[in-house]
PDB file of all heavy atoms in Angstrom:
ATOM      1  N   GLN A   1    -133.634  -5.483  25.500  1.00  0.00           N
ATOM      2  CA  GLN A   1    -134.141  -4.152  25.823  1.00  0.00           C
ATOM      3  C   GLN A   1    -134.667  -3.538  24.539  1.00  0.00           C
ATOM      4  O   GLN A   1    -133.930  -3.408  23.549  1.00  0.00           O
ATOM      5  CB  GLN A   1    -133.024  -3.288  26.402  1.00  0.00           C
ATOM      6  CG  GLN A   1    -133.439  -1.863  26.692  1.00  0.00           C
ATOM      7  CD  GLN A   1    -134.459  -1.763  27.809  1.00  0.00           C
ATOM      8  OE1 GLN A   1    -134.340  -2.432  28.830  1.00  0.00           O
ATOM      9  NE2 GLN A   1    -135.478  -0.923  27.629  1.00  0.00           N
ATOM     10  N   MET A   2    -135.936  -3.166  24.562  1.00  0.00           N
ATOM     11  CA  MET A   2    -136.563  -2.611  23.359  1.00  0.00           C
ATOM     12  C   MET A   2    -137.029  -1.191  23.649  1.00  0.00           C
ATOM     13  O   MET A   2    -137.838  -0.974  24.553  1.00  0.00           O
ATOM     14  CB  MET A   2    -137.758  -3.480  22.947  1.00  0.00           C
ATOM     15  CG  MET A   2    -137.383  -4.943  22.722  1.00  0.00           C
ATOM     16  SD  MET A   2    -138.738  -5.909  22.032  1.00  0.00           S
ATOM     17  CE  MET A   2    -139.920  -5.835  23.380  1.00  0.00           C
ATOM     18  N   ASN A   3    -136.506  -0.257  22.902  1.00  0.00           N
ATOM     19  CA  ASN A   3    -136.851   1.149  23.050  1.00  0.00           C
ATOM     20  C   ASN A   3    -137.509   1.668  21.780  1.00  0.00           C
ATOM     21  O   ASN A   3    -137.436   1.037  20.731  1.00  0.00           O
ATOM     22  CB  ASN A   3    -135.598   1.966  23.358  1.00  0.00           C
ATOM     23  CG  ASN A   3    -134.894   1.510  24.624  1.00  0.00           C
ATOM     24  OD1 ASN A   3    -135.538   1.147  25.611  1.00  0.00           O
ATOM     25  ND2 ASN A   3    -133.576   1.535  24.614  1.00  0.00           N
ATOM     26  N   SER A   4    -138.147   2.818  21.903  1.00  0.00           N
ATOM     27  CA  SER A   4    -138.783   3.463  20.735  1.00  0.00           C
ATOM     28  C   SER A   4    -139.666   2.477  19.992  1.00  0.00           C
ATOM     29  O   SER A   4    -139.600   2.352  18.765  1.00  0.00           O
ATOM     30  CB  SER A   4    -137.708   4.036  19.804  1.00  0.00           C
ATOM     31  OG  SER A   4    -136.901   4.972  20.469  1.00  0.00           O
ATOM     32  N   LEU A   5    -140.486   1.778  20.744  1.00  0.00           N
ATOM     33  CA  LEU A   5    -141.319   0.732  20.137  1.00  0.00           C
ATOM     34  C   LEU A   5    -142.345   1.323  19.185  1.00  0.00           C
ATOM     35  O   LEU A   5    -142.867   2.433  19.399  1.00  0.00           O
ATOM     36  CB  LEU A   5    -142.002  -0.091  21.224  1.00  0.00           C
ATOM     37  CG  LEU A   5    -141.071  -1.096  21.920  1.00  0.00           C
ATOM     38  CD1 LEU A   5    -141.656  -1.553  23.249  1.00  0.00           C
ATOM     39  CD2 LEU A   5    -140.793  -2.272  21.011  1.00  0.00           C
ATOM     40  N   LYS A   6    -142.641   0.543  18.142  1.00  0.00           N
ATOM     41  CA  LYS A   6    -143.590   0.944  17.110  1.00  0.00           C
ATOM     42  C   LYS A   6    -144.716  -0.089  17.031  1.00  0.00           C
ATOM     43  O   LYS A   6    -144.503  -1.249  17.405  1.00  0.00           O
ATOM     44  CB  LYS A   6    -142.878   1.008  15.755  1.00  0.00           C
ATOM     45  CG  LYS A   6    -141.654   1.897  15.731  1.00  0.00           C
ATOM     46  CD  LYS A   6    -140.936   1.785  14.396  1.00  0.00           C
ATOM     47  CE  LYS A   6    -139.673   2.615  14.367  1.00  0.00           C
ATOM     48  NZ  LYS A   6    -138.957   2.497  13.065  1.00  0.00           N
ATOM     49  N   PRO A   7    -145.862   0.281  16.531  1.00  0.00           N
ATOM     50  CA  PRO A   7    -146.938  -0.710  16.391  1.00  0.00           C
ATOM     51  C   PRO A   7    -146.526  -1.936  15.588  1.00  0.00           C
ATOM     52  O   PRO A   7    -146.976  -3.050  15.875  1.00  0.00           O
ATOM     53  CB  PRO A   7    -148.037   0.090  15.688  1.00  0.00           C
ATOM     54  CG  PRO A   7    -147.820   1.503  16.132  1.00  0.00           C
ATOM     55  CD  PRO A   7    -146.322   1.639  16.209  1.00  0.00           C
ATOM     56  N   GLU A   8    -145.639  -1.752  14.622  1.00  0.00           N
ATOM     57  CA  GLU A   8    -145.188  -2.893  13.819  1.00  0.00           C
ATOM     58  C   GLU A   8    -144.266  -3.830  14.580  1.00  0.00           C
ATOM     59  O   GLU A   8    -143.906  -4.895  14.063  1.00  0.00           O
ATOM     60  CB  GLU A   8    -144.509  -2.413  12.539  1.00  0.00           C
ATOM     61  CG  GLU A   8    -143.419  -1.386  12.746  1.00  0.00           C
ATOM     62  CD  GLU A   8    -143.938   0.039  12.538  1.00  0.00           C
ATOM     63  OE1 GLU A   8    -145.045   0.364  13.034  1.00  0.00           O
ATOM     64  OE2 GLU A   8    -143.213   0.832  11.889  1.00  0.00           O
ATOM     65  N   ASP A   9    -143.889  -3.471  15.788  1.00  0.00           N
ATOM     66  CA  ASP A   9    -143.126  -4.389  16.634  1.00  0.00           C
ATOM     67  C   ASP A   9    -144.022  -5.381  17.358  1.00  0.00           C
ATOM     68  O   ASP A   9    -143.537  -6.280  18.046  1.00  0.00           O
ATOM     69  CB  ASP A   9    -142.314  -3.603  17.683  1.00  0.00           C
ATOM     70  CG  ASP A   9    -141.221  -2.762  17.051  1.00  0.00           C
ATOM     71  OD1 ASP A   9    -140.554  -3.243  16.120  1.00  0.00           O
ATOM     72  OD2 ASP A   9    -141.035  -1.619  17.499  1.00  0.00           O
ATOM     73  N   THR A  10    -145.321  -5.210  17.219  1.00  0.00           N
ATOM     74  CA  THR A  10    -146.273  -6.117  17.854  1.00  0.00           C
ATOM     75  C   THR A  10    -146.095  -7.534  17.320  1.00  0.00           C
ATOM     76  O   THR A  10    -146.133  -7.763  16.109  1.00  0.00           O
ATOM     77  CB  THR A  10    -147.713  -5.648  17.597  1.00  0.00           C
ATOM     78  OG1 THR A  10    -147.916  -4.386  18.253  1.00  0.00           O
ATOM     79  CG2 THR A  10    -148.727  -6.656  18.128  1.00  0.00           C
ATOM     80  N   ALA A  11    -145.881  -8.476  18.229  1.00  0.00           N
ATOM     81  CA  ALA A  11    -145.624  -9.865  17.853  1.00  0.00           C
ATOM     82  C   ALA A  11    -145.459 -10.701  19.112  1.00  0.00           C
ATOM     83  O   ALA A  11    -145.359 -10.154  20.213  1.00  0.00           O
ATOM     84  CB  ALA A  11    -144.372  -9.974  16.995  1.00  0.00           C
ATOM     85  N   VAL A  12    -145.394 -11.997  18.919  1.00  0.00           N
ATOM     86  CA  VAL A  12    -144.929 -12.885  19.989  1.00  0.00           C
ATOM     87  C   VAL A  12    -143.418 -12.991  19.840  1.00  0.00           C
ATOM     88  O   VAL A  12    -142.913 -13.273  18.742  1.00  0.00           O
ATOM     89  CB  VAL A  12    -145.588 -14.267  19.889  1.00  0.00           C
ATOM     90  CG1 VAL A  12    -145.025 -15.189  20.970  1.00  0.00           C
ATOM     91  CG2 VAL A  12    -147.104 -14.162  20.007  1.00  0.00           C
ATOM     92  N   TYR A  13    -142.727 -12.774  20.935  1.00  0.00           N
ATOM     93  CA  TYR A  13    -141.261 -12.807  20.946  1.00  0.00           C
ATOM     94  C   TYR A  13    -140.799 -14.113  21.581  1.00  0.00           C
ATOM     95  O   TYR A  13    -141.229 -14.455  22.689  1.00  0.00           O
ATOM     96  CB  TYR A  13    -140.714 -11.617  21.697  1.00  0.00           C
ATOM     97  CG  TYR A  13    -140.784 -10.335  20.891  1.00  0.00           C
ATOM     98  CD1 TYR A  13    -142.015  -9.735  20.616  1.00  0.00           C
ATOM     99  CD2 TYR A  13    -139.640  -9.744  20.366  1.00  0.00           C
ATOM    100  CE1 TYR A  13    -142.085  -8.584  19.854  1.00  0.00           C
ATOM    101  CE2 TYR A  13    -139.704  -8.588  19.611  1.00  0.00           C
ATOM    102  CZ  TYR A  13    -140.936  -8.017  19.353  1.00  0.00           C
ATOM    103  OH  TYR A  13    -141.009  -6.881  18.586  1.00  0.00           O
ATOM    104  N   TYR A  14    -139.908 -14.794  20.868  1.00  0.00           N
ATOM    105  CA  TYR A  14    -139.406 -16.084  21.294  1.00  0.00           C
ATOM    106  C   TYR A  14    -137.915 -16.019  21.574  1.00  0.00           C
ATOM    107  O   TYR A  14    -137.155 -15.406  20.822  1.00  0.00           O
ATOM    108  CB  TYR A  14    -139.637 -17.129  20.212  1.00  0.00           C
ATOM    109  CG  TYR A  14    -141.084 -17.408  19.883  1.00  0.00           C
ATOM    110  CD1 TYR A  14    -141.731 -16.702  18.883  1.00  0.00           C
ATOM    111  CD2 TYR A  14    -141.800 -18.383  20.579  1.00  0.00           C
ATOM    112  CE1 TYR A  14    -143.055 -16.944  18.581  1.00  0.00           C
ATOM    113  CE2 TYR A  14    -143.124 -18.643  20.280  1.00  0.00           C
ATOM    114  CZ  TYR A  14    -143.748 -17.918  19.277  1.00  0.00           C
ATOM    115  OH  TYR A  14    -145.061 -18.175  18.975  1.00  0.00           O
ATOM    116  N   CYS A  15    -137.528 -16.726  22.603  1.00  0.00           N
ATOM    117  CA  CYS A  15    -136.126 -16.917  22.932  1.00  0.00           C
ATOM    118  C   CYS A  15    -135.685 -18.280  22.405  1.00  0.00           C
ATOM    119  O   CYS A  15    -136.483 -19.231  22.408  1.00  0.00           O
ATOM    120  CB  CYS A  15    -135.970 -16.860  24.457  1.00  0.00           C
ATOM    121  SG  CYS A  15    -134.342 -17.237  25.085  1.00  0.00           S
ATOM    122  N   ALA A  16    -134.458 -18.386  21.936  1.00  0.00           N
ATOM    123  CA  ALA A  16    -133.975 -19.648  21.364  1.00  0.00           C
ATOM    124  C   ALA A  16    -132.493 -19.841  21.655  1.00  0.00           C
ATOM    125  O   ALA A  16    -131.759 -18.861  21.855  1.00  0.00           O
ATOM    126  CB  ALA A  16    -134.219 -19.669  19.859  1.00  0.00           C
ATOM    127  N   VAL A  17    -132.078 -21.100  21.655  1.00  0.00           N
ATOM    128  CA  VAL A  17    -130.681 -21.470  21.892  1.00  0.00           C
ATOM    129  C   VAL A  17    -130.090 -22.066  20.618  1.00  0.00           C
ATOM    130  O   VAL A  17    -130.703 -22.936  20.004  1.00  0.00           O
ATOM    131  CB  VAL A  17    -130.559 -22.503  23.029  1.00  0.00           C
ATOM    132  CG1 VAL A  17    -129.095 -22.943  23.186  1.00  0.00           C
ATOM    133  CG2 VAL A  17    -131.067 -21.938  24.333  1.00  0.00           C
ATOM    134  N   LYS A  18    -128.927 -21.588  20.265  1.00  0.00           N
ATOM    135  CA  LYS A  18    -128.172 -22.137  19.122  1.00  0.00           C
ATOM    136  C   LYS A  18    -126.938 -22.825  19.674  1.00  0.00           C
ATOM    137  O   LYS A  18    -126.106 -22.175  20.319  1.00  0.00           O
ATOM    138  CB  LYS A  18    -127.780 -21.010  18.179  1.00  0.00           C
ATOM    139  CG  LYS A  18    -126.996 -21.436  16.948  1.00  0.00           C
ATOM    140  CD  LYS A  18    -126.734 -20.252  16.061  1.00  0.00           C
ATOM    141  CE  LYS A  18    -125.823 -20.597  14.883  1.00  0.00           C
ATOM    142  NZ  LYS A  18    -126.416 -21.645  14.027  1.00  0.00           N
ATOM    143  N   THR A  19    -126.826 -24.121  19.452  1.00  0.00           N
ATOM    144  CA  THR A  19    -125.721 -24.880  20.043  1.00  0.00           C
ATOM    145  C   THR A  19    -124.551 -25.049  19.078  1.00  0.00           C
ATOM    146  O   THR A  19    -123.429 -25.256  19.528  1.00  0.00           O
ATOM    147  CB  THR A  19    -126.209 -26.259  20.496  1.00  0.00           C
ATOM    148  OG1 THR A  19    -126.669 -26.991  19.367  1.00  0.00           O
ATOM    149  CG2 THR A  19    -127.319 -26.137  21.533  1.00  0.00           C
ATOM    150  N   ASP A  20    -124.795 -25.031  17.788  1.00  0.00           N
ATOM    151  CA  ASP A  20    -123.722 -25.219  16.821  1.00  0.00           C
ATOM    152  C   ASP A  20    -123.288 -23.858  16.300  1.00  0.00           C
ATOM    153  O   ASP A  20    -123.992 -23.220  15.528  1.00  0.00           O
ATOM    154  CB  ASP A  20    -124.207 -26.093  15.663  1.00  0.00           C
ATOM    155  CG  ASP A  20    -123.106 -26.345  14.622  1.00  0.00           C
ATOM    156  OD1 ASP A  20    -121.959 -25.898  14.860  1.00  0.00           O
ATOM    157  OD2 ASP A  20    -123.408 -26.974  13.598  1.00  0.00           O
ATOM    158  N   LEU A  21    -122.110 -23.409  16.754  1.00  0.00           N
ATOM    159  CA  LEU A  21    -121.613 -22.098  16.342  1.00  0.00           C
ATOM    160  C   LEU A  21    -120.530 -22.221  15.287  1.00  0.00           C
ATOM    161  O   LEU A  21    -119.786 -21.267  15.043  1.00  0.00           O
ATOM    162  CB  LEU A  21    -121.075 -21.349  17.565  1.00  0.00           C
ATOM    163  CG  LEU A  21    -122.039 -21.212  18.743  1.00  0.00           C
ATOM    164  CD1 LEU A  21    -121.459 -20.259  19.795  1.00  0.00           C
ATOM    165  CD2 LEU A  21    -123.404 -20.747  18.305  1.00  0.00           C
ATOM    166  N   GLY A  22    -120.452 -23.374  14.647  1.00  0.00           N
ATOM    167  CA  GLY A  22    -119.353 -23.624  13.710  1.00  0.00           C
ATOM    168  C   GLY A  22    -119.581 -23.131  12.304  1.00  0.00           C
ATOM    169  O   GLY A  22    -118.690 -23.219  11.473  1.00  0.00           O
ATOM    170  N   GLY A  23    -120.749 -22.616  11.994  1.00  0.00           N
ATOM    171  CA  GLY A  23    -121.032 -22.181  10.626  1.00  0.00           C
ATOM    172  C   GLY A  23    -120.706 -20.724  10.404  1.00  0.00           C
ATOM    173  O   GLY A  23    -119.853 -20.139  11.068  1.00  0.00           O
ATOM    174  N   ASN A  24    -121.400 -20.152   9.438  1.00  0.00           N
ATOM    175  CA  ASN A  24    -121.196 -18.745   9.124  1.00  0.00           C
ATOM    176  C   ASN A  24    -122.024 -17.844  10.034  1.00  0.00           C
ATOM    177  O   ASN A  24    -123.004 -18.295  10.636  1.00  0.00           O
ATOM    178  CB  ASN A  24    -121.580 -18.479   7.669  1.00  0.00           C
ATOM    179  CG  ASN A  24    -120.739 -19.276   6.708  1.00  0.00           C
ATOM    180  OD1 ASN A  24    -119.546 -19.435   6.908  1.00  0.00           O
ATOM    181  ND2 ASN A  24    -121.382 -19.808   5.661  1.00  0.00           N
ATOM    182  N   ASP A  25    -121.654 -16.573  10.083  1.00  0.00           N
ATOM    183  CA  ASP A  25    -122.441 -15.630  10.873  1.00  0.00           C
ATOM    184  C   ASP A  25    -123.864 -15.532  10.356  1.00  0.00           C
ATOM    185  O   ASP A  25    -124.786 -15.251  11.121  1.00  0.00           O
ATOM    186  CB  ASP A  25    -121.791 -14.243  10.840  1.00  0.00           C
ATOM    187  CG  ASP A  25    -120.635 -14.142  11.805  1.00  0.00           C
ATOM    188  OD1 ASP A  25    -120.396 -15.106  12.565  1.00  0.00           O
ATOM    189  OD2 ASP A  25    -119.964 -13.097  11.830  1.00  0.00           O
ATOM    190  N   SER A  26    -124.066 -15.778   9.082  1.00  0.00           N
ATOM    191  CA  SER A  26    -125.405 -15.702   8.516  1.00  0.00           C
ATOM    192  C   SER A  26    -126.348 -16.731   9.153  1.00  0.00           C
ATOM    193  O   SER A  26    -127.568 -16.566   9.131  1.00  0.00           O
ATOM    194  CB  SER A  26    -125.359 -15.912   6.997  1.00  0.00           C
ATOM    195  OG  SER A  26    -124.795 -17.176   6.691  1.00  0.00           O
ATOM    196  N   ASP A  27    -125.799 -17.769   9.738  1.00  0.00           N
ATOM    197  CA  ASP A  27    -126.621 -18.802  10.388  1.00  0.00           C
ATOM    198  C   ASP A  27    -127.373 -18.276  11.591  1.00  0.00           C
ATOM    199  O   ASP A  27    -128.386 -18.839  11.998  1.00  0.00           O
ATOM    200  CB  ASP A  27    -125.753 -19.981  10.814  1.00  0.00           C
ATOM    201  CG  ASP A  27    -125.137 -20.717   9.634  1.00  0.00           C
ATOM    202  OD1 ASP A  27    -125.635 -20.533   8.499  1.00  0.00           O
ATOM    203  OD2 ASP A  27    -124.171 -21.458   9.852  1.00  0.00           O
ATOM    204  N   TYR A  28    -126.870 -17.211  12.192  1.00  0.00           N
ATOM    205  CA  TYR A  28    -127.541 -16.651  13.366  1.00  0.00           C
ATOM    206  C   TYR A  28    -128.896 -16.038  13.012  1.00  0.00           C
ATOM    207  O   TYR A  28    -129.741 -15.874  13.883  1.00  0.00           O
ATOM    208  CB  TYR A  28    -126.662 -15.587  14.016  1.00  0.00           C
ATOM    209  CG  TYR A  28    -125.476 -16.171  14.718  1.00  0.00           C
ATOM    210  CD1 TYR A  28    -124.272 -16.371  14.060  1.00  0.00           C
ATOM    211  CD2 TYR A  28    -125.556 -16.535  16.063  1.00  0.00           C
ATOM    212  CE1 TYR A  28    -123.177 -16.913  14.707  1.00  0.00           C
ATOM    213  CE2 TYR A  28    -124.464 -17.087  16.718  1.00  0.00           C
ATOM    214  CZ  TYR A  28    -123.285 -17.269  16.029  1.00  0.00           C
ATOM    215  OH  TYR A  28    -122.203 -17.805  16.674  1.00  0.00           O
ATOM    216  N   TYR A  29    -129.081 -15.704  11.739  1.00  0.00           N
ATOM    217  CA  TYR A  29    -130.247 -14.921  11.343  1.00  0.00           C
ATOM    218  C   TYR A  29    -131.429 -15.782  10.914  1.00  0.00           C
ATOM    219  O   TYR A  29    -132.478 -15.242  10.557  1.00  0.00           O
ATOM    220  CB  TYR A  29    -129.860 -13.987  10.189  1.00  0.00           C
ATOM    221  CG  TYR A  29    -128.828 -12.949  10.583  1.00  0.00           C
ATOM    222  CD1 TYR A  29    -127.469 -13.251  10.538  1.00  0.00           C
ATOM    223  CD2 TYR A  29    -129.211 -11.685  11.012  1.00  0.00           C
ATOM    224  CE1 TYR A  29    -126.521 -12.304  10.907  1.00  0.00           C
ATOM    225  CE2 TYR A  29    -128.266 -10.737  11.366  1.00  0.00           C
ATOM    226  CZ  TYR A  29    -126.935 -11.058  11.318  1.00  0.00           C
ATOM    227  OH  TYR A  29    -125.999 -10.125  11.681  1.00  0.00           O
ATOM    228  N   THR A  30    -131.271 -17.069  10.959  1.00  0.00           N
ATOM    229  CA  THR A  30    -132.354 -17.949  10.526  1.00  0.00           C
ATOM    230  C   THR A  30    -132.774 -18.871  11.658  1.00  0.00           C
ATOM    231  O   THR A  30    -131.945 -19.425  12.374  1.00  0.00           O
ATOM    232  CB  THR A  30    -131.934 -18.794   9.314  1.00  0.00           C
ATOM    233  OG1 THR A  30    -130.791 -19.592   9.675  1.00  0.00           O
ATOM    234  CG2 THR A  30    -131.568 -17.917   8.136  1.00  0.00           C
ATOM    235  N   ALA A  31    -134.075 -19.068  11.763  1.00  0.00           N
ATOM    236  CA  ALA A  31    -134.626 -19.862  12.856  1.00  0.00           C
ATOM    237  C   ALA A  31    -134.181 -21.316  12.793  1.00  0.00           C
ATOM    238  O   ALA A  31    -134.065 -21.980  13.827  1.00  0.00           O
ATOM    239  CB  ALA A  31    -136.145 -19.778  12.837  1.00  0.00           C
ATOM    240  N   VAL A  32    -133.908 -21.808  11.603  1.00  0.00           N
ATOM    241  CA  VAL A  32    -133.569 -23.216  11.450  1.00  0.00           C
ATOM    242  C   VAL A  32    -132.283 -23.575  12.179  1.00  0.00           C
ATOM    243  O   VAL A  32    -132.044 -24.736  12.515  1.00  0.00           O
ATOM    244  CB  VAL A  32    -133.468 -23.580   9.957  1.00  0.00           C
ATOM    245  CG1 VAL A  32    -132.238 -22.918   9.324  1.00  0.00           C
ATOM    246  CG2 VAL A  32    -133.448 -25.073   9.742  1.00  0.00           C
ATOM    247  N   GLY A  33    -131.451 -22.593  12.458  1.00  0.00           N
ATOM    248  CA  GLY A  33    -130.180 -22.871  13.111  1.00  0.00           C
ATOM    249  C   GLY A  33    -130.250 -22.980  14.619  1.00  0.00           C
ATOM    250  O   GLY A  33    -129.250 -23.235  15.275  1.00  0.00           O
ATOM    251  N   TYR A  34    -131.433 -22.816  15.190  1.00  0.00           N
ATOM    252  CA  TYR A  34    -131.611 -22.838  16.636  1.00  0.00           C
ATOM    253  C   TYR A  34    -132.274 -24.143  17.071  1.00  0.00           C
ATOM    254  O   TYR A  34    -133.160 -24.641  16.402  1.00  0.00           O
ATOM    255  CB  TYR A  34    -132.438 -21.629  17.068  1.00  0.00           C
ATOM    256  CG  TYR A  34    -131.669 -20.335  16.899  1.00  0.00           C
ATOM    257  CD1 TYR A  34    -131.489 -19.773  15.642  1.00  0.00           C
ATOM    258  CD2 TYR A  34    -131.085 -19.702  17.988  1.00  0.00           C
ATOM    259  CE1 TYR A  34    -130.758 -18.605  15.465  1.00  0.00           C
ATOM    260  CE2 TYR A  34    -130.351 -18.533  17.826  1.00  0.00           C
ATOM    261  CZ  TYR A  34    -130.194 -18.002  16.562  1.00  0.00           C
ATOM    262  OH  TYR A  34    -129.465 -16.848  16.395  1.00  0.00           O
ATOM    263  N   ASP A  35    -131.816 -24.637  18.214  1.00  0.00           N
ATOM    264  CA  ASP A  35    -132.193 -25.985  18.632  1.00  0.00           C
ATOM    265  C   ASP A  35    -133.292 -26.047  19.678  1.00  0.00           C
ATOM    266  O   ASP A  35    -134.027 -27.042  19.749  1.00  0.00           O
ATOM    267  CB  ASP A  35    -130.963 -26.698  19.175  1.00  0.00           C
ATOM    268  CG  ASP A  35    -129.816 -26.691  18.163  1.00  0.00           C
ATOM    269  OD1 ASP A  35    -129.903 -27.466  17.199  1.00  0.00           O
ATOM    270  OD2 ASP A  35    -128.875 -25.890  18.342  1.00  0.00           O
ATOM    271  N   TYR A  36    -133.373 -25.031  20.499  1.00  0.00           N
ATOM    272  CA  TYR A  36    -134.350 -25.037  21.585  1.00  0.00           C
ATOM    273  C   TYR A  36    -135.094 -23.699  21.565  1.00  0.00           C
ATOM    274  O   TYR A  36    -134.486 -22.659  21.326  1.00  0.00           O
ATOM    275  CB  TYR A  36    -133.676 -25.219  22.944  1.00  0.00           C
ATOM    276  CG  TYR A  36    -132.841 -26.471  23.031  1.00  0.00           C
ATOM    277  CD1 TYR A  36    -131.467 -26.424  22.877  1.00  0.00           C
ATOM    278  CD2 TYR A  36    -133.439 -27.712  23.295  1.00  0.00           C
ATOM    279  CE1 TYR A  36    -130.694 -27.572  22.954  1.00  0.00           C
ATOM    280  CE2 TYR A  36    -132.671 -28.862  23.385  1.00  0.00           C
ATOM    281  CZ  TYR A  36    -131.288 -28.788  23.204  1.00  0.00           C
ATOM    282  OH  TYR A  36    -130.545 -29.915  23.276  1.00  0.00           O
ATOM    283  N   TRP A  37    -136.384 -23.771  21.899  1.00  0.00           N
ATOM    284  CA  TRP A  37    -137.240 -22.601  21.841  1.00  0.00           C
ATOM    285  C   TRP A  37    -138.091 -22.481  23.090  1.00  0.00           C
ATOM    286  O   TRP A  37    -138.517 -23.478  23.667  1.00  0.00           O
ATOM    287  CB  TRP A  37    -138.168 -22.688  20.628  1.00  0.00           C
ATOM    288  CG  TRP A  37    -137.447 -22.587  19.331  1.00  0.00           C
ATOM    289  CD1 TRP A  37    -136.819 -23.597  18.659  1.00  0.00           C
ATOM    290  CD2 TRP A  37    -137.245 -21.394  18.569  1.00  0.00           C
ATOM    291  NE1 TRP A  37    -136.239 -23.109  17.516  1.00  0.00           N
ATOM    292  CE2 TRP A  37    -136.493 -21.760  17.429  1.00  0.00           C
ATOM    293  CE3 TRP A  37    -137.626 -20.070  18.724  1.00  0.00           C
ATOM    294  CZ2 TRP A  37    -136.118 -20.844  16.460  1.00  0.00           C
ATOM    295  CZ3 TRP A  37    -137.259 -19.155  17.757  1.00  0.00           C
ATOM    296  CH2 TRP A  37    -136.513 -19.540  16.641  1.00  0.00           C
ATOM    297  N   GLY A  38    -138.343 -21.235  23.478  1.00  0.00           N
ATOM    298  CA  GLY A  38    -139.297 -20.983  24.542  1.00  0.00           C
ATOM    299  C   GLY A  38    -140.706 -20.899  23.984  1.00  0.00           C
ATOM    300  O   GLY A  38    -140.932 -21.050  22.775  1.00  0.00           O
ATOM    301  N   GLN A  39    -141.657 -20.641  24.872  1.00  0.00           N
ATOM    302  CA  GLN A  39    -143.077 -20.593  24.494  1.00  0.00           C
ATOM    303  C   GLN A  39    -143.480 -19.224  23.957  1.00  0.00           C
ATOM    304  O   GLN A  39    -144.542 -19.114  23.340  1.00  0.00           O
ATOM    305  CB  GLN A  39    -143.944 -20.953  25.691  1.00  0.00           C
ATOM    306  CG  GLN A  39    -143.763 -22.389  26.138  1.00  0.00           C
ATOM    307  CD  GLN A  39    -144.142 -23.380  25.061  1.00  0.00           C
ATOM    308  OE1 GLN A  39    -145.220 -23.308  24.472  1.00  0.00           O
ATOM    309  NE2 GLN A  39    -143.226 -24.314  24.738  1.00  0.00           N
ATOM    310  N   GLY A  40    -142.671 -18.232  24.194  1.00  0.00           N
ATOM    311  CA  GLY A  40    -142.961 -16.909  23.668  1.00  0.00           C
ATOM    312  C   GLY A  40    -143.665 -15.996  24.662  1.00  0.00           C
ATOM    313  O   GLY A  40    -144.317 -16.465  25.605  1.00  0.00           O
ATOM    314  N   THR A  41    -143.513 -14.708  24.438  1.00  0.00           N
ATOM    315  CA  THR A  41    -144.197 -13.703  25.240  1.00  0.00           C
ATOM    316  C   THR A  41    -144.755 -12.647  24.289  1.00  0.00           C
ATOM    317  O   THR A  41    -144.069 -12.222  23.351  1.00  0.00           O
ATOM    318  CB  THR A  41    -143.245 -13.089  26.288  1.00  0.00           C
ATOM    319  OG1 THR A  41    -143.961 -12.175  27.121  1.00  0.00           O
ATOM    320  CG2 THR A  41    -142.077 -12.343  25.656  1.00  0.00           C
ATOM    321  N   GLN A  42    -145.987 -12.238  24.548  1.00  0.00           N
ATOM    322  CA  GLN A  42    -146.673 -11.306  23.646  1.00  0.00           C
ATOM    323  C   GLN A  42    -146.245  -9.869  23.927  1.00  0.00           C
ATOM    324  O   GLN A  42    -146.262  -9.427  25.087  1.00  0.00           O
ATOM    325  CB  GLN A  42    -148.186 -11.439  23.810  1.00  0.00           C
ATOM    326  CG  GLN A  42    -148.988 -10.438  23.004  1.00  0.00           C
ATOM    327  CD  GLN A  42    -148.946 -10.733  21.506  1.00  0.00           C
ATOM    328  OE1 GLN A  42    -149.128 -11.884  21.095  1.00  0.00           O
ATOM    329  NE2 GLN A  42    -148.730  -9.703  20.694  1.00  0.00           N
TER     330      GLN A  42
END
């Protein structure tokens, strides 16, 4: 849910699945930690 949208929020938004949850919380913030990706929505 995205509220108070700004022009700088303009982008393609991707959904992703992270299967390995055994690392640090910082791993959630990087794309490399995700295994599956959708095609995106503008």
